[in-house]
Protein backbone atom coordinates (compact mmCIF):
# COMPACT_ATOMS: atom_id res chain seq x y z
CA MET A 1 -31.75 -29.96 -111.87
CA HIS A 2 -28.21 -29.36 -113.15
CA ILE A 3 -26.73 -27.89 -116.33
CA GLU A 4 -23.19 -28.26 -117.68
CA ILE A 5 -22.05 -24.69 -118.39
CA SER A 6 -18.63 -25.70 -119.70
CA ASP A 7 -16.53 -28.86 -119.57
CA GLY A 8 -16.48 -29.86 -115.90
CA VAL A 9 -18.41 -26.76 -114.74
CA PHE A 10 -22.00 -27.31 -113.62
CA LEU A 11 -24.85 -25.14 -112.38
CA ILE A 12 -26.85 -26.94 -109.69
CA ASP A 13 -30.29 -25.57 -108.85
CA THR A 14 -30.49 -25.73 -105.05
CA LEU A 15 -34.32 -25.56 -105.16
CA ALA A 16 -34.23 -22.93 -102.46
CA ALA A 17 -37.23 -23.54 -100.20
CA GLY A 18 -38.66 -25.70 -102.97
CA THR A 19 -38.43 -22.93 -105.57
CA PRO A 20 -36.56 -23.56 -108.86
CA ASP A 21 -34.37 -20.94 -110.56
CA LEU A 22 -33.85 -18.91 -107.40
CA VAL A 23 -30.47 -19.91 -105.89
CA ALA A 24 -27.69 -21.61 -107.88
CA SER A 25 -24.63 -23.49 -106.69
CA TYR A 26 -21.65 -24.18 -108.96
CA LEU A 27 -19.63 -27.40 -109.12
CA ILE A 28 -16.16 -27.42 -110.69
CA LYS A 29 -14.74 -30.87 -111.39
CA GLY A 30 -11.08 -31.50 -112.08
CA GLU A 31 -9.01 -34.23 -110.47
CA LYS A 32 -10.47 -32.70 -107.33
CA SER A 33 -13.77 -30.88 -107.06
CA ALA A 34 -15.11 -27.70 -105.51
CA LEU A 35 -18.70 -26.63 -104.79
CA VAL A 36 -19.29 -22.88 -104.64
CA ASP A 37 -22.27 -21.45 -102.71
CA PRO A 38 -24.08 -24.48 -101.25
CA GLY A 39 -27.31 -22.59 -100.61
CA TYR A 40 -29.74 -22.51 -97.69
CA PRO A 41 -29.67 -25.06 -94.86
CA SER A 42 -32.87 -26.58 -96.25
CA SER A 43 -31.20 -27.10 -99.66
CA ALA A 44 -28.55 -29.61 -98.53
CA ASN A 45 -30.53 -32.72 -99.49
CA SER A 46 -31.38 -31.32 -102.93
CA ILE A 47 -27.70 -30.62 -103.59
CA LEU A 48 -26.63 -34.07 -102.41
CA SER A 49 -29.16 -35.65 -104.77
CA GLU A 50 -27.83 -33.63 -107.71
CA LEU A 51 -24.23 -34.50 -106.87
CA GLN A 52 -25.13 -38.18 -106.83
CA ALA A 53 -26.93 -37.83 -110.16
CA LEU A 54 -23.81 -36.22 -111.62
CA SER A 55 -21.14 -38.49 -110.21
CA GLY A 56 -22.73 -41.49 -108.56
CA LYS A 57 -23.59 -42.41 -105.01
CA GLY A 58 -20.96 -41.50 -102.46
CA PHE A 59 -19.47 -38.67 -104.55
CA GLN A 60 -17.27 -36.49 -102.36
CA VAL A 61 -16.55 -32.80 -102.91
CA ASP A 62 -13.04 -31.80 -101.83
CA PHE A 63 -13.75 -28.11 -101.22
CA LEU A 64 -16.91 -26.31 -100.07
CA MET A 65 -16.67 -22.60 -100.83
CA PRO A 66 -19.29 -20.02 -99.86
CA THR A 67 -18.67 -16.70 -101.58
CA HIS A 68 -19.88 -15.17 -98.31
CA VAL A 69 -21.57 -16.39 -95.17
CA HIS A 70 -25.17 -15.24 -95.75
CA LEU A 71 -27.57 -18.13 -95.28
CA ASP A 72 -28.51 -18.56 -98.95
CA HIS A 73 -24.83 -19.12 -99.78
CA ALA A 74 -23.30 -20.83 -96.76
CA GLY A 75 -26.24 -22.25 -94.80
CA GLY A 76 -26.16 -25.64 -96.51
CA ILE A 77 -22.54 -26.37 -95.62
CA GLY A 78 -23.43 -28.01 -92.30
CA GLY A 79 -25.56 -30.68 -93.94
CA LEU A 80 -23.01 -31.26 -96.72
CA GLU A 81 -20.06 -31.33 -94.34
CA GLU A 82 -21.61 -34.22 -92.46
CA ALA A 83 -21.99 -36.20 -95.70
CA MET A 84 -18.48 -35.29 -96.87
CA PRO A 85 -16.14 -35.83 -93.92
CA ASN A 86 -12.99 -35.02 -95.91
CA ALA A 87 -14.14 -31.76 -97.47
CA ARG A 88 -12.35 -28.55 -96.56
CA VAL A 89 -14.34 -25.32 -96.23
CA LEU A 90 -12.69 -22.27 -97.79
CA VAL A 91 -14.26 -19.08 -96.46
CA ASN A 92 -13.24 -15.44 -96.37
CA GLN A 93 -11.29 -14.71 -93.22
CA HIS A 94 -13.80 -12.08 -92.06
CA GLY A 95 -16.68 -14.55 -92.15
CA LEU A 96 -15.03 -17.62 -90.64
CA LYS A 97 -16.19 -16.98 -87.07
CA HIS A 98 -19.82 -16.84 -88.22
CA LEU A 99 -19.65 -20.39 -89.57
CA ILE A 100 -18.37 -21.60 -86.21
CA ASP A 101 -21.11 -19.68 -84.41
CA PRO A 102 -23.93 -18.69 -86.82
CA SER A 103 -26.20 -17.18 -84.15
CA LYS A 104 -25.61 -13.58 -85.27
CA LEU A 105 -26.27 -14.47 -88.91
CA VAL A 106 -29.52 -16.16 -87.96
CA ALA A 107 -30.65 -13.21 -85.86
CA THR A 108 -29.89 -10.72 -88.66
CA ALA A 109 -31.70 -12.81 -91.28
CA ALA A 110 -34.71 -13.31 -89.03
CA GLY A 111 -34.89 -9.58 -88.39
CA LEU A 112 -34.87 -8.85 -92.12
CA PHE A 113 -37.02 -11.63 -93.58
CA GLY A 114 -39.16 -12.59 -90.58
CA GLU A 115 -39.50 -15.74 -88.52
CA LYS A 116 -41.94 -17.34 -90.98
CA ALA A 117 -39.40 -17.30 -93.78
CA MET A 118 -36.69 -18.67 -91.51
CA THR A 119 -38.74 -21.79 -90.82
CA VAL A 120 -38.60 -22.48 -94.55
CA TYR A 121 -34.95 -21.54 -95.17
CA GLY A 122 -33.70 -23.59 -92.24
CA THR A 123 -31.17 -22.99 -89.47
CA PRO A 124 -27.45 -23.50 -90.21
CA ARG A 125 -25.40 -25.90 -88.15
CA PRO A 126 -22.22 -24.67 -86.44
CA LEU A 127 -19.13 -25.92 -88.26
CA HIS A 128 -16.01 -27.44 -86.74
CA ALA A 129 -13.13 -24.96 -86.74
CA GLU A 130 -10.61 -27.58 -87.87
CA ARG A 131 -12.52 -28.02 -91.15
CA LEU A 132 -12.30 -24.31 -92.04
CA GLU A 133 -9.54 -22.54 -93.95
CA PRO A 134 -9.53 -18.71 -94.05
CA VAL A 135 -9.07 -16.92 -97.37
CA GLY A 136 -7.58 -13.43 -97.54
CA GLU A 137 -7.08 -11.07 -100.49
CA LEU A 138 -6.09 -13.84 -102.90
CA TYR A 139 -6.06 -17.63 -102.87
CA GLU A 140 -5.13 -19.85 -105.81
CA LEU A 141 -6.56 -23.35 -105.97
CA ASP A 142 -5.49 -25.98 -108.53
CA LEU A 143 -8.05 -28.78 -108.85
CA GLY A 144 -6.03 -30.56 -111.56
CA ALA A 145 -7.16 -31.34 -115.12
CA GLU A 146 -6.60 -27.66 -116.01
CA LYS A 147 -9.13 -26.45 -113.49
CA LYS A 148 -7.39 -23.53 -111.78
CA LEU A 149 -9.36 -21.17 -109.56
CA ARG A 150 -8.42 -17.69 -108.42
CA ILE A 151 -10.35 -16.75 -105.28
CA PHE A 152 -10.20 -13.04 -104.47
CA TYR A 153 -11.70 -10.51 -102.07
CA THR A 154 -14.74 -8.57 -103.34
CA PRO A 155 -16.32 -6.55 -100.50
CA GLY A 156 -19.32 -4.27 -100.90
CA HIS A 157 -22.28 -6.61 -100.71
CA ALA A 158 -20.72 -7.82 -97.48
CA TRP A 159 -17.34 -7.37 -95.82
CA HIS A 160 -16.83 -11.16 -95.86
CA HIS A 161 -17.37 -11.56 -99.62
CA MET A 162 -15.11 -13.25 -102.16
CA SER A 163 -15.50 -14.28 -105.81
CA VAL A 164 -14.04 -17.13 -107.87
CA PHE A 165 -12.43 -16.87 -111.32
CA LEU A 166 -12.01 -19.99 -113.46
CA GLU A 167 -8.82 -19.17 -115.32
CA LYS A 168 -9.02 -21.43 -118.37
CA GLU A 169 -12.74 -20.87 -119.00
CA ARG A 170 -12.55 -17.17 -117.99
CA LEU A 171 -15.82 -17.62 -116.14
CA LEU A 172 -16.42 -15.56 -113.01
CA ILE A 173 -18.51 -16.87 -110.11
CA THR A 174 -19.56 -13.52 -108.74
CA GLY A 175 -21.45 -14.34 -105.56
CA ASP A 176 -23.73 -11.38 -104.84
CA ALA A 177 -21.09 -8.82 -105.87
CA ALA A 178 -22.82 -8.44 -109.26
CA GLY A 179 -26.39 -8.37 -108.02
CA LEU A 180 -29.39 -10.45 -109.06
CA TYR A 181 -30.60 -11.19 -112.58
CA TYR A 182 -33.57 -13.41 -113.37
CA SER A 183 -35.06 -14.62 -116.62
CA GLY A 184 -37.72 -12.16 -117.75
CA PHE A 185 -36.11 -9.36 -115.75
CA ASN A 186 -34.00 -7.35 -118.20
CA PHE A 187 -31.73 -5.49 -115.78
CA PRO A 188 -29.58 -6.37 -112.75
CA ILE A 189 -30.83 -5.69 -109.22
CA PRO A 190 -27.98 -4.66 -106.91
CA ALA A 191 -27.90 -6.66 -103.68
CA THR A 192 -27.63 -4.23 -100.77
CA PRO A 193 -28.31 -6.01 -97.46
CA PRO A 194 -27.84 -4.47 -94.04
CA PRO A 195 -25.72 -4.19 -92.03
CA GLY A 196 -22.60 -4.67 -94.17
CA PHE A 197 -23.42 -3.05 -97.53
CA ASP A 198 -20.82 -0.48 -98.65
CA GLU A 199 -21.56 1.42 -101.85
CA GLU A 200 -17.99 2.41 -102.70
CA GLN A 201 -16.62 -1.07 -102.10
CA TYR A 202 -19.47 -2.53 -104.15
CA VAL A 203 -18.56 -0.32 -107.11
CA LYS A 204 -14.85 -1.10 -106.71
CA SER A 205 -15.61 -4.82 -106.89
CA LEU A 206 -17.71 -4.33 -110.02
CA THR A 207 -14.87 -2.29 -111.55
CA LYS A 208 -12.46 -5.10 -110.74
CA PHE A 209 -14.76 -7.50 -112.59
CA MET A 210 -14.82 -5.23 -115.63
CA ASN A 211 -11.02 -4.98 -115.66
CA MET A 212 -10.79 -8.79 -115.68
CA ASP A 213 -12.90 -8.94 -118.86
CA PRO A 214 -14.53 -12.32 -118.09
CA ALA A 215 -16.14 -14.37 -120.85
CA GLY A 216 -19.19 -14.92 -118.65
CA LEU A 217 -20.66 -14.39 -115.19
CA LEU A 218 -22.04 -17.21 -113.05
CA LEU A 219 -24.61 -15.66 -110.72
CA PRO A 220 -26.13 -17.39 -107.72
CA HIS A 221 -29.36 -15.47 -108.47
CA PHE A 222 -29.53 -16.80 -111.17
CA GLY A 223 -27.39 -18.50 -113.80
CA LEU A 224 -25.06 -17.61 -116.67
CA VAL A 225 -24.64 -14.15 -118.18
CA ARG A 226 -22.64 -14.71 -121.37
CA GLU A 227 -23.65 -11.82 -123.63
CA ASN A 228 -22.91 -8.13 -123.08
CA VAL A 229 -21.04 -8.87 -119.86
CA ARG A 230 -19.44 -5.45 -119.55
CA ALA A 231 -22.72 -3.67 -120.23
CA PHE A 232 -24.36 -5.78 -117.52
CA LEU A 233 -21.71 -4.71 -115.01
CA GLU A 234 -21.88 -1.05 -116.07
CA THR A 235 -25.66 -1.08 -115.66
CA ASN A 236 -25.21 -2.48 -112.17
CA VAL A 237 -22.91 0.43 -111.28
CA GLY A 238 -25.40 2.98 -112.63
CA THR A 239 -28.31 1.39 -110.79
CA ILE A 240 -26.58 1.30 -107.42
CA ARG A 241 -25.52 4.94 -107.78
CA ARG A 242 -29.13 5.91 -108.54
CA TRP A 243 -30.55 3.89 -105.64
CA THR A 244 -28.15 5.21 -103.04
CA SER A 245 -28.51 8.80 -104.21
CA MET A 246 -32.29 8.55 -103.99
CA ALA A 247 -32.16 6.97 -100.54
CA ALA A 248 -29.60 9.44 -99.19
CA GLU A 249 -31.62 12.43 -100.41
CA THR A 250 -34.83 11.10 -98.88
CA VAL A 251 -33.21 10.46 -95.51
CA LYS A 252 -31.43 13.84 -95.60
CA THR A 253 -34.74 15.64 -96.06
CA GLY A 254 -36.40 13.70 -93.26
CA GLY A 255 -38.18 11.18 -95.45
CA VAL A 256 -39.32 7.80 -94.23
CA LEU A 257 -39.39 4.27 -95.61
CA TRP A 258 -42.64 4.65 -97.50
CA THR A 259 -41.35 7.86 -99.15
CA VAL A 260 -38.22 6.09 -100.32
CA SER A 261 -40.13 3.15 -101.73
CA SER A 262 -42.70 5.39 -103.44
CA ASN A 263 -39.91 7.32 -105.14
CA SER A 264 -38.70 4.06 -106.68
CA SER A 265 -41.90 3.40 -108.61
CA TRP A 266 -39.80 2.87 -111.73
CA LEU A 267 -38.29 -0.19 -110.08
CA MET A 268 -41.60 -1.53 -108.81
CA SER A 269 -43.12 -1.19 -112.30
CA ARG A 270 -40.30 -3.32 -113.68
CA ILE A 271 -40.83 -5.87 -110.93
CA ALA A 272 -44.51 -6.03 -111.92
CA ALA A 273 -43.56 -6.52 -115.58
CA GLY A 274 -41.19 -9.30 -114.61
CA GLU A 275 -43.89 -10.90 -112.47
CA ARG A 276 -45.86 -11.67 -115.61
CA GLN A 277 -42.90 -13.70 -116.87
CA LYS A 278 -42.02 -15.67 -113.75
CA ARG A 279 -44.00 -14.47 -110.81
CA PHE A 280 -42.58 -15.53 -107.49
CA PRO A 281 -38.79 -15.49 -107.91
CA ILE A 282 -38.82 -12.15 -109.71
CA THR A 283 -41.37 -10.38 -107.53
CA SER A 284 -39.93 -11.42 -104.19
CA SER A 285 -36.33 -10.88 -105.27
CA GLY A 286 -37.13 -7.36 -106.37
CA ALA A 287 -39.14 -6.60 -103.27
CA SER A 288 -36.66 -8.10 -100.83
CA SER A 289 -33.77 -6.29 -102.49
CA LEU A 290 -35.73 -3.04 -102.29
CA ALA A 291 -36.48 -3.71 -98.62
CA GLN A 292 -32.80 -4.40 -97.98
CA TRP A 293 -31.82 -1.21 -99.74
CA VAL A 294 -34.28 0.88 -97.75
CA ALA A 295 -33.16 -0.72 -94.48
CA THR A 296 -29.49 -0.12 -95.26
CA HIS A 297 -29.82 3.54 -96.10
CA THR A 298 -32.15 4.43 -93.28
CA ARG A 299 -29.63 2.74 -90.97
CA LYS A 300 -31.18 2.22 -87.55
CA ARG A 301 -33.96 4.75 -87.91
CA GLU A 302 -37.07 3.56 -86.12
CA ARG A 303 -39.86 2.44 -88.43
CA PRO A 304 -43.14 4.12 -87.37
CA SER A 305 -46.25 1.98 -87.25
CA SER A 306 -47.63 3.82 -90.30
CA GLU A 307 -44.77 2.38 -92.36
CA ARG A 308 -45.32 -1.22 -91.34
CA PRO A 309 -47.58 -2.14 -94.29
CA PHE A 310 -44.71 -1.64 -96.74
CA TRP A 311 -42.28 -3.66 -94.62
CA ASP A 312 -44.84 -6.41 -94.12
CA PHE A 313 -45.50 -6.38 -97.86
CA CYS A 314 -41.83 -7.08 -98.57
CA GLN A 315 -41.60 -9.84 -95.98
CA ASP A 316 -44.81 -11.46 -97.19
CA LEU A 317 -43.51 -11.56 -100.76
CA VAL A 318 -40.30 -13.22 -99.62
CA PHE A 319 -42.26 -15.83 -97.68
CA ALA A 320 -44.71 -16.39 -100.55
CA ASN A 321 -41.75 -17.15 -102.79
CA SER A 322 -40.51 -19.71 -100.27
CA LEU A 323 -43.82 -21.57 -100.29
CA SER A 324 -44.47 -21.53 -104.05
CA THR A 325 -43.24 -24.26 -106.40
């Protein structure tokens, strides 16, 4: 499925692990074209089919651009690269080495989500170094036909994160720097994965977004936020401050994972309310984000066996989402 957001700007549903409305990729078409966030390794064929539906068989993207190198954003590049031999891959300079050798990314993801989920998401292929171009603090890309992109560094969610601003349309492809937001879920969920989450950098990136005053946000999880953009970003800042304060206090007082999660019952109640609207994407996204948050703020603290049910619960929800249609 694809939707034209604006003239020459398309949302492509990557059908992540067969699930609609979970991970979005964005295609910008000028005289040249760019595809931002190509999704999981297992999504490559779905994206190729949508590109062909949009532009005919043999359509070639000129630039493949993951906002960061996590598997749900960069994992599909290997499959697309093979089908598009002339495409250049623009990636933040701090993440480039992980596309050449993705073994560390795979190990981290498997440790967080579990081996069962990884069999559904797929394993990324190593990319050829000569196809990659590193992006630093700022990179300007002119696709022609008035499609000018400003690619800029937005750490916090990850130290290898960048976002993309479409200058004429004033649309901002955020990557995970602005959290997750699903239909039926009326507030943003900050994305706080270990090991690279940094609260202060996350808030600085959100503040940068607010100062840019975009007309809309294009989220990978999931879709367009056009109304009350500033309020959405401000809510994200408030939520992440509340989460990290709660987690820090619990760890400081010797609390454990289950204590942290129990103290966030307000969040879990909202996840349950959202589940009634669109069960699997909302429930697993909320639970996995909560699990990521807990893991980040307890650092490398050992998880006692008594806490395993909560951790297994989060992993099972993520995997259930992968298997549902």
